[in-house]
């Protein structure tokens, strides 16, 4: 089974960019519920678009602790 953090289709809106109160950003699969303490920064988008948004927003993505997609 592929990782939920891997790209799906080329243009499929498969991922979200999340942010927490500390300003940390994370890539998250769109099919999974957003973990407590995190908010989506916008609508689901293609994997590559979310990676581009992450690169602009934060130097190092974080992983929501204790969350499972």
N, C-alpha and C. Protein backbone atom coordinates (compact mmCIF):
# COMPACT_ATOMS: atom_id res chain seq x y z
N UNK A 1 0.84 -1.18 0.00
CA UNK A 1 0.00 0.00 0.00
C UNK A 1 0.90 1.25 0.00
N UNK A 2 0.62 2.17 -0.90
CA UNK A 2 1.45 3.39 -0.93
C UNK A 2 1.19 4.27 0.28
N UNK A 3 2.16 5.09 0.58
CA UNK A 3 2.04 6.04 1.70
C UNK A 3 0.98 7.08 1.36
N UNK A 4 0.18 7.51 2.34
CA UNK A 4 -0.82 8.55 2.08
C UNK A 4 -0.18 9.91 1.81
N UNK A 5 1.12 10.02 2.01
CA UNK A 5 1.81 11.29 1.77
C UNK A 5 2.42 11.36 0.37
N UNK A 6 2.32 10.27 -0.39
CA UNK A 6 2.83 10.22 -1.75
C UNK A 6 1.82 10.85 -2.71
N UNK A 7 2.31 11.33 -3.86
CA UNK A 7 1.39 11.91 -4.85
C UNK A 7 0.39 10.88 -5.34
N UNK A 8 -0.79 11.33 -5.70
CA UNK A 8 -1.81 10.46 -6.30
C UNK A 8 -1.77 10.72 -7.80
N UNK A 9 -2.81 11.34 -8.33
CA UNK A 9 -2.82 11.70 -9.74
C UNK A 9 -2.11 13.02 -9.94
N UNK A 10 -1.73 13.30 -11.17
CA UNK A 10 -0.99 14.52 -11.50
C UNK A 10 -1.68 15.78 -10.99
N UNK A 11 -2.97 15.89 -11.22
CA UNK A 11 -3.70 17.11 -10.84
C UNK A 11 -4.79 16.86 -9.80
N UNK A 12 -4.81 15.66 -9.25
CA UNK A 12 -5.84 15.29 -8.26
C UNK A 12 -5.64 16.09 -6.98
N UNK A 13 -6.71 16.72 -6.46
CA UNK A 13 -6.60 17.46 -5.19
C UNK A 13 -6.53 16.49 -4.01
N UNK A 14 -5.35 15.93 -3.79
CA UNK A 14 -5.18 14.81 -2.87
C UNK A 14 -4.60 15.17 -1.51
N UNK A 15 -4.12 16.40 -1.35
CA UNK A 15 -3.43 16.77 -0.11
C UNK A 15 -3.85 18.15 0.38
N UNK A 16 -3.55 18.38 1.66
CA UNK A 16 -3.77 19.67 2.30
C UNK A 16 -2.46 20.15 2.89
N UNK A 17 -2.35 21.45 3.08
CA UNK A 17 -1.27 22.01 3.87
C UNK A 17 -1.92 22.44 5.19
N UNK A 18 -1.38 21.94 6.30
CA UNK A 18 -1.90 22.26 7.62
C UNK A 18 -0.96 23.22 8.34
N UNK A 19 -1.51 23.94 9.31
CA UNK A 19 -0.72 24.82 10.17
C UNK A 19 -1.23 24.67 11.59
N UNK A 20 -0.31 24.74 12.57
CA UNK A 20 -0.73 24.69 13.97
C UNK A 20 -0.49 26.04 14.63
N UNK A 21 -0.81 26.15 15.90
CA UNK A 21 -0.69 27.42 16.62
C UNK A 21 0.76 27.91 16.71
N UNK A 22 1.72 27.00 16.62
CA UNK A 22 3.13 27.38 16.67
C UNK A 22 3.64 27.85 15.30
N UNK A 23 2.76 27.81 14.29
CA UNK A 23 3.16 28.23 12.96
C UNK A 23 3.86 27.16 12.15
N UNK A 24 3.86 25.92 12.65
CA UNK A 24 4.46 24.81 11.92
C UNK A 24 3.49 24.37 10.83
N UNK A 25 4.04 24.01 9.68
CA UNK A 25 3.23 23.57 8.55
C UNK A 25 3.48 22.09 8.28
N UNK A 26 2.47 21.43 7.69
CA UNK A 26 2.59 20.01 7.41
C UNK A 26 1.78 19.64 6.17
N UNK A 27 2.27 18.65 5.44
CA UNK A 27 1.54 18.06 4.33
C UNK A 27 0.62 16.99 4.92
N UNK A 28 -0.64 16.94 4.45
CA UNK A 28 -1.60 16.00 5.02
C UNK A 28 -2.50 15.46 3.92
N UNK A 29 -2.81 14.15 3.93
CA UNK A 29 -3.71 13.61 2.90
C UNK A 29 -5.14 14.15 3.08
N UNK A 30 -5.75 14.54 1.98
CA UNK A 30 -7.07 15.17 2.02
C UNK A 30 -8.16 14.23 2.51
N UNK A 31 -7.98 12.91 2.34
CA UNK A 31 -9.02 11.96 2.75
C UNK A 31 -9.08 11.79 4.27
N UNK A 32 -8.02 12.18 4.98
CA UNK A 32 -7.95 11.97 6.43
C UNK A 32 -8.45 13.21 7.17
N UNK A 33 -9.04 12.97 8.32
CA UNK A 33 -9.50 14.09 9.16
C UNK A 33 -8.31 14.91 9.62
N UNK A 34 -8.49 16.21 9.67
CA UNK A 34 -7.44 17.11 10.15
C UNK A 34 -7.29 16.88 11.65
N UNK A 35 -6.06 16.62 12.13
CA UNK A 35 -5.84 16.35 13.55
C UNK A 35 -6.15 17.57 14.42
N UNK A 36 -6.51 17.29 15.66
CA UNK A 36 -6.76 18.36 16.63
C UNK A 36 -5.54 19.25 16.74
N UNK A 37 -5.77 20.56 16.80
CA UNK A 37 -4.68 21.51 16.93
C UNK A 37 -4.10 21.97 15.61
N UNK A 38 -4.60 21.44 14.52
CA UNK A 38 -4.13 21.80 13.19
C UNK A 38 -5.30 22.33 12.37
N UNK A 39 -5.03 23.24 11.44
CA UNK A 39 -6.04 23.78 10.54
C UNK A 39 -5.49 23.75 9.12
N UNK A 40 -6.39 23.50 8.16
CA UNK A 40 -6.00 23.55 6.75
C UNK A 40 -5.79 25.02 6.36
N UNK A 41 -4.75 25.28 5.57
CA UNK A 41 -4.47 26.64 5.13
C UNK A 41 -5.27 27.00 3.89
N UNK A 42 -5.91 26.02 3.28
CA UNK A 42 -6.70 26.24 2.08
C UNK A 42 -7.33 24.93 1.64
N UNK A 43 -7.95 24.92 0.48
CA UNK A 43 -8.59 23.70 0.00
C UNK A 43 -7.56 22.65 -0.42
N UNK A 44 -8.02 21.42 -0.60
CA UNK A 44 -7.16 20.35 -1.09
C UNK A 44 -6.62 20.74 -2.46
N UNK A 45 -5.40 20.31 -2.72
CA UNK A 45 -4.74 20.63 -3.98
C UNK A 45 -3.85 19.45 -4.39
N UNK A 46 -3.32 19.52 -5.59
CA UNK A 46 -2.40 18.49 -6.07
C UNK A 46 -1.17 18.44 -5.16
N UNK A 47 -0.59 17.28 -5.03
CA UNK A 47 0.59 17.06 -4.19
C UNK A 47 1.67 18.09 -4.47
N UNK A 48 2.02 18.28 -5.74
CA UNK A 48 3.10 19.21 -6.10
C UNK A 48 2.77 20.65 -5.69
N UNK A 49 1.47 21.03 -5.80
CA UNK A 49 1.07 22.38 -5.41
C UNK A 49 1.20 22.57 -3.90
N UNK A 50 0.84 21.52 -3.15
CA UNK A 50 0.97 21.60 -1.69
C UNK A 50 2.44 21.67 -1.29
N UNK A 51 3.31 20.92 -1.96
CA UNK A 51 4.74 21.00 -1.67
C UNK A 51 5.27 22.41 -1.95
N UNK A 52 4.79 23.03 -3.00
CA UNK A 52 5.21 24.39 -3.32
C UNK A 52 4.74 25.36 -2.23
N UNK A 53 3.50 25.18 -1.75
CA UNK A 53 2.99 26.04 -0.67
C UNK A 53 3.78 25.83 0.61
N UNK A 54 4.16 24.58 0.88
CA UNK A 54 4.98 24.29 2.06
C UNK A 54 6.33 24.98 1.96
N UNK A 55 6.94 24.92 0.80
CA UNK A 55 8.26 25.53 0.61
C UNK A 55 8.20 27.04 0.84
N UNK A 56 7.09 27.66 0.48
CA UNK A 56 6.95 29.10 0.69
C UNK A 56 6.65 29.43 2.15
N UNK A 57 5.94 28.55 2.84
CA UNK A 57 5.45 28.84 4.18
C UNK A 57 6.44 28.51 5.29
N UNK A 58 7.20 27.44 5.13
CA UNK A 58 8.03 26.98 6.23
C UNK A 58 9.30 26.33 5.70
N UNK A 59 10.43 26.56 6.34
CA UNK A 59 11.66 25.93 5.90
C UNK A 59 11.68 24.42 6.14
N UNK A 60 10.99 23.96 7.20
CA UNK A 60 10.95 22.53 7.52
C UNK A 60 9.54 22.13 7.89
N UNK A 61 8.90 21.22 7.11
CA UNK A 61 7.57 20.76 7.49
C UNK A 61 7.60 19.97 8.80
N UNK A 62 6.53 20.04 9.54
CA UNK A 62 6.38 19.28 10.78
C UNK A 62 5.42 18.12 10.54
N UNK A 63 5.38 17.17 11.46
CA UNK A 63 4.43 16.07 11.41
C UNK A 63 3.51 16.21 12.60
N UNK A 64 2.19 16.22 12.38
CA UNK A 64 1.29 16.30 13.52
C UNK A 64 1.53 15.13 14.46
N UNK A 65 1.97 15.38 15.66
CA UNK A 65 2.29 14.29 16.59
C UNK A 65 1.04 13.55 17.04
N UNK A 66 1.17 12.25 17.09
CA UNK A 66 0.07 11.41 17.53
C UNK A 66 -1.04 11.25 16.51
N UNK A 67 -0.88 11.81 15.33
CA UNK A 67 -1.93 11.73 14.32
C UNK A 67 -1.61 10.65 13.31
N UNK A 68 -2.60 9.93 12.89
CA UNK A 68 -2.45 8.90 11.89
C UNK A 68 -3.42 9.18 10.75
N UNK A 69 -2.90 9.27 9.52
CA UNK A 69 -3.81 9.53 8.40
C UNK A 69 -4.68 8.35 8.11
